[in-house]
C-alpha cells in the first residue's frame, strides 16, 4: 500500500522561515531509517505558497490564481510517498517522525489509489497505458 504523508504548512513555513540545522539533522536521520526499511519512495519540502499558483477549472475556462493563499491550515509544506503494509504502519512511522515545525504541527496520512481501486472503469487498455507511462517515467533521466 502506498501512502502520501502530508506535512501541513504553518505561519512560519509560509513566511519562508527555514528549519534549523538540528531539525534538518533529525529529519535526515529519520529519512535514512525510512530508506533503510524500504518505506520511502519520495519526499520533498515545498516552497511557500507565495511562490506558487493555482489553476481554477470551470468547464473549459482556466483561471490562474497567484499565491500566497490565505488558509495556512489547508496548505502543504512538504510530503513523503511511502510504501507500507498498512495504514497502521504508516501511522507508526509518522509517530516516530521529528516534529517538522517549531511548535505545533500536523501531518496528514492519505492512501494512494491503486489500479484495482478503480474497478471495471479502469479497462485493460487504460491499465496498459498506465503501466507504459510508469515504465517511461522510471527510465527518464532526472533534470
N, C-alpha and C. Protein backbone atom coordinates (compact mmCIF):
# COMPACT_ATOMS: atom_id res chain seq x y z
N UNK A 1 0.84 -1.17 0.00
CA UNK A 1 0.00 0.00 0.00
C UNK A 1 0.89 1.25 0.00
N UNK A 2 0.49 2.21 -0.81
CA UNK A 2 1.23 3.46 -0.83
C UNK A 2 0.42 4.53 -0.10
N UNK A 3 1.13 5.37 0.63
CA UNK A 3 0.51 6.46 1.36
C UNK A 3 1.27 7.75 1.09
N UNK A 4 0.52 8.83 0.93
CA UNK A 4 1.09 10.16 0.86
C UNK A 4 1.05 10.72 2.27
N UNK A 5 2.20 11.11 2.76
CA UNK A 5 2.32 11.68 4.10
C UNK A 5 2.50 13.18 3.89
N UNK A 6 1.54 13.96 4.34
CA UNK A 6 1.47 15.38 4.02
C UNK A 6 1.80 16.20 5.27
N UNK A 7 2.86 17.00 5.18
CA UNK A 7 3.25 17.89 6.26
C UNK A 7 2.50 19.21 6.03
N UNK A 8 1.64 19.55 6.97
CA UNK A 8 0.84 20.77 6.85
C UNK A 8 1.71 22.01 7.08
N UNK A 9 1.39 23.06 6.35
CA UNK A 9 2.10 24.32 6.48
C UNK A 9 1.73 25.02 7.79
N UNK A 10 2.62 25.91 8.20
CA UNK A 10 2.38 26.78 9.36
C UNK A 10 2.65 28.21 8.94
N UNK A 11 2.37 29.16 9.82
CA UNK A 11 2.68 30.56 9.52
C UNK A 11 4.18 30.72 9.24
N UNK A 12 5.02 30.01 10.00
CA UNK A 12 6.47 30.09 9.80
C UNK A 12 6.89 29.54 8.44
N UNK A 13 6.36 28.36 8.07
CA UNK A 13 6.76 27.78 6.78
C UNK A 13 6.27 28.65 5.63
N UNK A 14 5.09 29.26 5.78
CA UNK A 14 4.56 30.15 4.75
C UNK A 14 5.34 31.46 4.69
N UNK A 15 5.98 31.84 5.80
CA UNK A 15 6.80 33.05 5.83
C UNK A 15 8.20 32.78 5.28
N UNK A 16 8.48 31.52 4.92
CA UNK A 16 9.79 31.18 4.36
C UNK A 16 10.86 30.94 5.40
N UNK A 17 10.45 30.78 6.66
CA UNK A 17 11.42 30.52 7.73
C UNK A 17 11.92 29.09 7.56
N UNK A 18 13.23 28.97 7.38
CA UNK A 18 13.84 27.67 7.11
C UNK A 18 14.04 26.88 8.40
N UNK A 19 14.04 25.54 8.31
CA UNK A 19 14.26 24.72 9.50
C UNK A 19 15.68 24.90 10.03
N UNK A 20 15.83 24.64 11.32
CA UNK A 20 17.14 24.74 11.96
C UNK A 20 18.04 23.60 11.52
N UNK A 21 19.33 23.75 11.75
CA UNK A 21 20.29 22.68 11.45
C UNK A 21 19.93 21.43 12.24
N UNK A 22 19.52 21.61 13.49
CA UNK A 22 19.14 20.46 14.32
C UNK A 22 17.97 19.70 13.70
N UNK A 23 16.93 20.43 13.25
CA UNK A 23 15.77 19.76 12.65
C UNK A 23 16.17 19.08 11.34
N UNK A 24 16.99 19.73 10.53
CA UNK A 24 17.45 19.12 9.28
C UNK A 24 18.22 17.83 9.56
N UNK A 25 19.03 17.84 10.62
CA UNK A 25 19.79 16.64 11.02
C UNK A 25 18.85 15.53 11.46
N UNK A 26 17.87 15.88 12.31
CA UNK A 26 16.90 14.89 12.79
C UNK A 26 16.09 14.31 11.64
N UNK A 27 15.64 15.17 10.72
CA UNK A 27 14.87 14.70 9.56
C UNK A 27 15.74 13.82 8.66
N UNK A 28 16.99 14.18 8.51
CA UNK A 28 17.91 13.37 7.71
C UNK A 28 18.04 11.96 8.28
N UNK A 29 18.16 11.87 9.59
CA UNK A 29 18.25 10.55 10.25
C UNK A 29 16.95 9.76 10.07
N UNK A 30 15.82 10.45 10.22
CA UNK A 30 14.53 9.79 10.04
C UNK A 30 14.39 9.29 8.61
N UNK A 31 14.75 10.13 7.63
CA UNK A 31 14.69 9.71 6.23
C UNK A 31 15.60 8.52 5.96
N UNK A 32 16.77 8.49 6.58
CA UNK A 32 17.66 7.32 6.43
C UNK A 32 16.98 6.06 6.94
N UNK A 33 16.29 6.15 8.08
CA UNK A 33 15.56 5.00 8.61
C UNK A 33 14.51 4.52 7.62
N UNK A 34 13.77 5.48 7.04
CA UNK A 34 12.73 5.15 6.07
C UNK A 34 13.31 4.44 4.85
N UNK A 35 14.42 4.96 4.35
CA UNK A 35 15.06 4.37 3.17
C UNK A 35 15.58 2.98 3.49
N UNK A 36 16.28 2.83 4.62
CA UNK A 36 16.82 1.52 5.00
C UNK A 36 15.72 0.48 5.19
N UNK A 37 14.55 0.92 5.65
CA UNK A 37 13.42 0.00 5.86
C UNK A 37 12.67 -0.27 4.55
N UNK A 38 13.05 0.41 3.47
CA UNK A 38 12.36 0.21 2.20
C UNK A 38 11.00 0.87 2.13
N UNK A 39 10.77 1.87 2.97
CA UNK A 39 9.47 2.53 3.07
C UNK A 39 9.39 3.75 2.15
N UNK A 40 10.45 4.56 2.12
CA UNK A 40 10.39 5.85 1.43
C UNK A 40 10.56 5.70 -0.08
N UNK A 41 9.57 6.20 -0.82
CA UNK A 41 9.62 6.22 -2.28
C UNK A 41 10.02 7.62 -2.78
N UNK A 42 9.60 8.65 -2.05
CA UNK A 42 9.92 10.04 -2.41
C UNK A 42 9.64 10.90 -1.20
N UNK A 43 10.19 12.09 -1.20
CA UNK A 43 9.92 13.05 -0.14
C UNK A 43 10.59 14.37 -0.44
N UNK A 44 9.85 15.44 -0.24
CA UNK A 44 10.37 16.78 -0.53
C UNK A 44 9.68 17.81 0.35
N UNK A 45 10.37 18.93 0.57
CA UNK A 45 9.76 20.11 1.16
C UNK A 45 9.29 21.01 0.03
N UNK A 46 8.31 21.84 0.32
CA UNK A 46 7.76 22.73 -0.70
C UNK A 46 8.00 24.19 -0.33
N UNK A 47 8.23 25.00 -1.35
CA UNK A 47 8.37 26.44 -1.17
C UNK A 47 7.05 27.01 -0.65
N UNK A 48 7.07 28.19 -0.01
CA UNK A 48 5.82 28.80 0.44
C UNK A 48 4.86 29.05 -0.71
N UNK A 49 3.57 29.15 -0.38
CA UNK A 49 2.56 29.34 -1.42
C UNK A 49 2.72 30.68 -2.14
N UNK A 50 3.46 31.62 -1.56
CA UNK A 50 3.70 32.90 -2.24
C UNK A 50 4.46 32.70 -3.55
N UNK A 51 5.14 31.59 -3.68
CA UNK A 51 5.87 31.27 -4.91
C UNK A 51 5.09 30.33 -5.81
N UNK A 52 3.85 30.05 -5.44
CA UNK A 52 3.04 29.09 -6.18
C UNK A 52 1.89 29.74 -6.93
N UNK A 53 1.09 28.90 -7.53
CA UNK A 53 -0.10 29.32 -8.26
C UNK A 53 -1.12 28.20 -8.20
N UNK A 54 -2.36 28.56 -8.43
CA UNK A 54 -3.45 27.59 -8.56
C UNK A 54 -4.12 27.83 -9.90
N UNK A 55 -4.63 26.79 -10.48
CA UNK A 55 -5.41 26.92 -11.70
C UNK A 55 -6.82 26.44 -11.38
N UNK A 56 -7.77 27.33 -11.51
CA UNK A 56 -9.18 27.01 -11.24
C UNK A 56 -9.85 26.62 -12.55
N UNK A 57 -10.57 25.51 -12.53
CA UNK A 57 -11.27 24.97 -13.70
C UNK A 57 -12.76 25.25 -13.56
N UNK A 58 -13.36 25.75 -14.62
CA UNK A 58 -14.80 25.93 -14.68
C UNK A 58 -15.20 25.62 -16.12
N UNK A 59 -15.64 24.38 -16.34
CA UNK A 59 -15.92 23.94 -17.71
C UNK A 59 -14.62 24.00 -18.51
N UNK A 60 -14.63 24.73 -19.62
CA UNK A 60 -13.42 24.84 -20.45
C UNK A 60 -12.58 26.06 -20.09
N UNK A 61 -13.00 26.84 -19.09
CA UNK A 61 -12.27 28.03 -18.68
C UNK A 61 -11.23 27.68 -17.62
N UNK A 62 -10.03 28.27 -17.76
CA UNK A 62 -8.95 28.09 -16.79
C UNK A 62 -8.56 29.47 -16.26
N UNK A 63 -8.53 29.61 -14.95
CA UNK A 63 -8.15 30.87 -14.33
C UNK A 63 -6.95 30.61 -13.42
N UNK A 64 -5.88 31.39 -13.61
CA UNK A 64 -4.67 31.25 -12.80
C UNK A 64 -4.76 32.23 -11.63
N UNK A 65 -4.51 31.70 -10.43
CA UNK A 65 -4.51 32.49 -9.21
C UNK A 65 -3.12 32.37 -8.60
N UNK A 66 -2.43 33.50 -8.50
CA UNK A 66 -1.10 33.50 -7.91
C UNK A 66 -1.19 33.48 -6.39
N UNK A 67 -0.19 32.81 -5.75
CA UNK A 67 -0.11 32.80 -4.30
C UNK A 67 0.37 34.15 -3.81
N UNK A 68 0.38 34.38 -2.51
CA UNK A 68 0.13 33.40 -1.45
C UNK A 68 -1.37 33.13 -1.26
N UNK A 69 -1.64 32.03 -0.58
CA UNK A 69 -3.01 31.63 -0.32
C UNK A 69 -3.29 31.82 1.17
N UNK A 70 -4.50 32.24 1.48
CA UNK A 70 -4.85 32.71 2.83
C UNK A 70 -4.91 31.61 3.89
N UNK A 71 -5.51 30.50 3.60
CA UNK A 71 -5.77 29.48 4.62
C UNK A 71 -4.56 28.59 4.86
N UNK A 72 -3.67 28.99 5.75
CA UNK A 72 -2.45 28.24 6.04
C UNK A 72 -2.76 26.80 6.42
N UNK A 73 -3.81 26.58 7.20
CA UNK A 73 -4.13 25.23 7.67
C UNK A 73 -4.45 24.27 6.52
N UNK A 74 -4.77 24.80 5.34
CA UNK A 74 -5.09 23.96 4.19
C UNK A 74 -3.89 23.76 3.26
N UNK A 75 -2.76 24.36 3.58
CA UNK A 75 -1.59 24.31 2.70
C UNK A 75 -0.63 23.21 3.11
N UNK A 76 0.20 22.83 2.17
CA UNK A 76 1.16 21.75 2.36
C UNK A 76 2.58 22.33 2.35
N UNK A 77 3.38 21.94 3.34
CA UNK A 77 4.76 22.39 3.41
C UNK A 77 5.73 21.34 2.88
N UNK A 78 5.29 20.10 2.80
CA UNK A 78 6.15 19.03 2.31
C UNK A 78 5.40 17.71 2.29
N UNK A 79 6.07 16.69 1.78
CA UNK A 79 5.40 15.39 1.67
C UNK A 79 6.42 14.27 1.59
N UNK A 80 5.95 13.08 1.87
CA UNK A 80 6.64 11.83 1.59
C UNK A 80 5.67 10.94 0.82
N UNK A 81 6.21 10.03 0.06
CA UNK A 81 5.42 8.94 -0.52
C UNK A 81 6.05 7.67 0.03
N UNK A 82 5.25 6.89 0.74
CA UNK A 82 5.74 5.68 1.41
C UNK A 82 5.05 4.44 0.89
N UNK A 83 5.78 3.33 0.91
CA UNK A 83 5.24 2.00 0.62
C UNK A 83 5.28 1.23 1.93
N UNK A 84 4.10 0.95 2.48
CA UNK A 84 4.00 0.21 3.74
C UNK A 84 2.92 -0.86 3.61
N UNK A 85 2.82 -1.71 4.62
CA UNK A 85 1.86 -2.81 4.57
C UNK A 85 0.45 -2.39 4.96
N UNK A 86 0.33 -1.28 5.73
CA UNK A 86 -0.99 -0.91 6.22
C UNK A 86 -1.01 0.55 6.67
N UNK A 87 -2.23 1.06 6.85
CA UNK A 87 -2.40 2.39 7.40
C UNK A 87 -1.79 2.48 8.80
N UNK A 88 -1.96 1.40 9.58
CA UNK A 88 -1.40 1.36 10.94
C UNK A 88 0.12 1.51 10.91
N UNK A 89 0.77 0.87 9.93
CA UNK A 89 2.23 1.00 9.83
C UNK A 89 2.61 2.44 9.47
N UNK A 90 1.88 3.07 8.58
CA UNK A 90 2.15 4.47 8.23
C UNK A 90 2.01 5.36 9.46
N UNK A 91 0.99 5.11 10.25
CA UNK A 91 0.78 5.89 11.48
C UNK A 91 1.96 5.70 12.42
N UNK A 92 2.41 4.47 12.58
CA UNK A 92 3.55 4.21 13.47
C UNK A 92 4.81 4.95 13.01
N UNK A 93 5.06 4.98 11.70
CA UNK A 93 6.20 5.73 11.18
C UNK A 93 6.04 7.22 11.45
N UNK A 94 4.86 7.76 11.23
CA UNK A 94 4.65 9.19 11.47
C UNK A 94 4.86 9.52 12.94
N UNK A 95 4.43 8.65 13.84
CA UNK A 95 4.62 8.90 15.26
C UNK A 95 6.10 8.95 15.65
N UNK A 96 6.96 8.34 14.85
CA UNK A 96 8.41 8.36 15.10
C UNK A 96 9.08 9.59 14.49
N UNK A 97 8.37 10.31 13.65
CA UNK A 97 8.92 11.46 12.93
C UNK A 97 9.24 12.60 13.90
N UNK A 98 10.37 13.28 13.69
CA UNK A 98 10.60 14.50 14.46
C UNK A 98 9.50 15.52 14.14
N UNK A 99 9.16 16.37 15.10
CA UNK A 99 8.18 17.42 14.83
C UNK A 99 8.72 18.27 13.68
N UNK A 100 8.00 18.32 12.54
CA UNK A 100 8.54 19.00 11.37
C UNK A 100 8.54 20.53 11.46
N UNK A 101 7.89 21.07 12.46
CA UNK A 101 7.79 22.53 12.61
C UNK A 101 8.11 22.93 14.04
N UNK A 102 8.49 24.18 14.20
CA UNK A 102 8.68 24.73 15.53
C UNK A 102 7.30 24.89 16.14
N UNK A 103 7.08 24.38 17.32
CA UNK A 103 5.76 24.47 17.95
C UNK A 103 4.84 23.37 17.47
N UNK A 104 3.56 23.68 17.38
CA UNK A 104 2.57 22.68 16.98
C UNK A 104 2.60 22.49 15.47
N UNK A 105 2.37 21.24 15.05
CA UNK A 105 2.29 20.95 13.62
C UNK A 105 1.39 19.75 13.42
N UNK A 106 1.09 19.46 12.16
CA UNK A 106 0.19 18.36 11.84
C UNK A 106 0.68 17.66 10.58
N UNK A 107 0.58 16.33 10.60
CA UNK A 107 0.91 15.52 9.43
C UNK A 107 -0.32 14.69 9.08
N UNK A 108 -0.71 14.74 7.82
CA UNK A 108 -1.88 14.00 7.34
C UNK A 108 -1.41 12.77 6.58
N UNK A 109 -2.13 11.67 6.72
CA UNK A 109 -1.80 10.40 6.07
C UNK A 109 -2.95 10.05 5.13
N UNK A 110 -2.63 9.90 3.82
CA UNK A 110 -3.66 9.59 2.83
C UNK A 110 -3.20 8.44 1.96
N UNK A 111 -4.05 7.43 1.82
CA UNK A 111 -3.72 6.29 0.96
C UNK A 111 -3.81 6.69 -0.50
N UNK A 112 -2.87 6.21 -1.30
CA UNK A 112 -2.84 6.45 -2.74
C UNK A 112 -3.68 5.38 -3.42
N UNK A 113 -4.49 5.79 -4.39
CA UNK A 113 -5.27 4.82 -5.16
C UNK A 113 -4.33 3.88 -5.92
N UNK A 114 -4.71 2.61 -5.97
CA UNK A 114 -4.03 1.62 -6.79
C UNK A 114 -4.96 1.26 -7.93
N UNK A 115 -4.43 0.65 -8.97
CA UNK A 115 -5.22 0.34 -10.17
C UNK A 115 -6.50 -0.42 -9.83
N UNK A 116 -6.42 -1.40 -8.95
CA UNK A 116 -7.58 -2.22 -8.62
C UNK A 116 -8.70 -1.43 -7.92
N UNK A 117 -8.37 -0.30 -7.33
CA UNK A 117 -9.37 0.51 -6.64
C UNK A 117 -10.39 1.11 -7.59
N UNK A 118 -10.06 1.22 -8.88
CA UNK A 118 -10.93 1.89 -9.85
C UNK A 118 -11.98 0.96 -10.47
N UNK A 119 -11.86 -0.34 -10.23
CA UNK A 119 -12.88 -1.28 -10.70
C UNK A 119 -12.90 -1.43 -12.22
N UNK A 120 -14.06 -1.81 -12.75
CA UNK A 120 -14.22 -2.12 -14.17
C UNK A 120 -14.00 -0.91 -15.07
N UNK A 121 -14.19 0.31 -14.52
CA UNK A 121 -13.99 1.51 -15.33
C UNK A 121 -12.54 1.66 -15.79
N UNK A 122 -11.62 1.05 -15.05
CA UNK A 122 -10.20 1.09 -15.42
C UNK A 122 -9.94 -0.12 -16.32
N UNK A 123 -10.26 0.04 -17.59
CA UNK A 123 -10.25 -1.05 -18.57
C UNK A 123 -8.85 -1.60 -18.78
N UNK A 124 -8.73 -2.78 -19.39
CA UNK A 124 -7.40 -3.33 -19.70
C UNK A 124 -6.56 -2.36 -20.54
N UNK A 125 -7.20 -1.61 -21.44
CA UNK A 125 -6.46 -0.64 -22.25
C UNK A 125 -5.92 0.50 -21.39
N UNK A 126 -6.71 0.97 -20.46
CA UNK A 126 -6.26 2.03 -19.57
C UNK A 126 -5.16 1.54 -18.64
N UNK A 127 -5.29 0.29 -18.18
CA UNK A 127 -4.24 -0.30 -17.33
C UNK A 127 -2.92 -0.40 -18.10
N UNK A 128 -2.99 -0.84 -19.35
CA UNK A 128 -1.79 -0.96 -20.18
C UNK A 128 -1.15 0.41 -20.37
N UNK A 129 -1.97 1.42 -20.63
CA UNK A 129 -1.45 2.77 -20.79
C UNK A 129 -0.75 3.24 -19.51
N UNK A 130 -1.37 3.00 -18.38
CA UNK A 130 -0.79 3.39 -17.09
C UNK A 130 0.55 2.70 -16.86
N UNK A 131 0.63 1.40 -17.12
CA UNK A 131 1.87 0.65 -16.95
C UNK A 131 2.96 1.18 -17.88
N UNK A 132 2.57 1.48 -19.14
CA UNK A 132 3.54 2.01 -20.11
C UNK A 132 4.08 3.37 -19.66
N UNK A 133 3.19 4.24 -19.19
CA UNK A 133 3.63 5.56 -18.73
C UNK A 133 4.54 5.45 -17.51
N UNK A 134 4.20 4.57 -16.58
CA UNK A 134 5.07 4.38 -15.40
C UNK A 134 6.45 3.87 -15.81
N UNK A 135 6.49 2.95 -16.76
CA UNK A 135 7.78 2.45 -17.24
C UNK A 135 8.59 3.57 -17.88
N UNK A 136 7.93 4.43 -18.64
CA UNK A 136 8.63 5.55 -19.27
C UNK A 136 9.16 6.52 -18.21
N UNK A 137 8.37 6.78 -17.17
CA UNK A 137 8.82 7.69 -16.09
C UNK A 137 10.04 7.11 -15.37
N UNK A 138 10.05 5.79 -15.17
CA UNK A 138 11.16 5.15 -14.49
C UNK A 138 12.46 5.26 -15.29
N UNK A 139 12.37 5.30 -16.60
CA UNK A 139 13.53 5.36 -17.49
C UNK A 139 14.04 6.79 -17.70
N UNK A 140 13.18 7.77 -17.45
CA UNK A 140 13.50 9.16 -17.77
C UNK A 140 14.63 9.68 -16.85
N UNK A 141 15.66 10.28 -17.46
CA UNK A 141 16.75 10.83 -16.62
C UNK A 141 16.25 12.04 -15.83
N UNK A 142 16.84 12.23 -14.66
CA UNK A 142 16.47 13.38 -13.83
C UNK A 142 17.04 14.66 -14.40
N UNK A 143 16.27 15.75 -14.31
CA UNK A 143 16.74 17.07 -14.79
C UNK A 143 17.55 17.76 -13.74
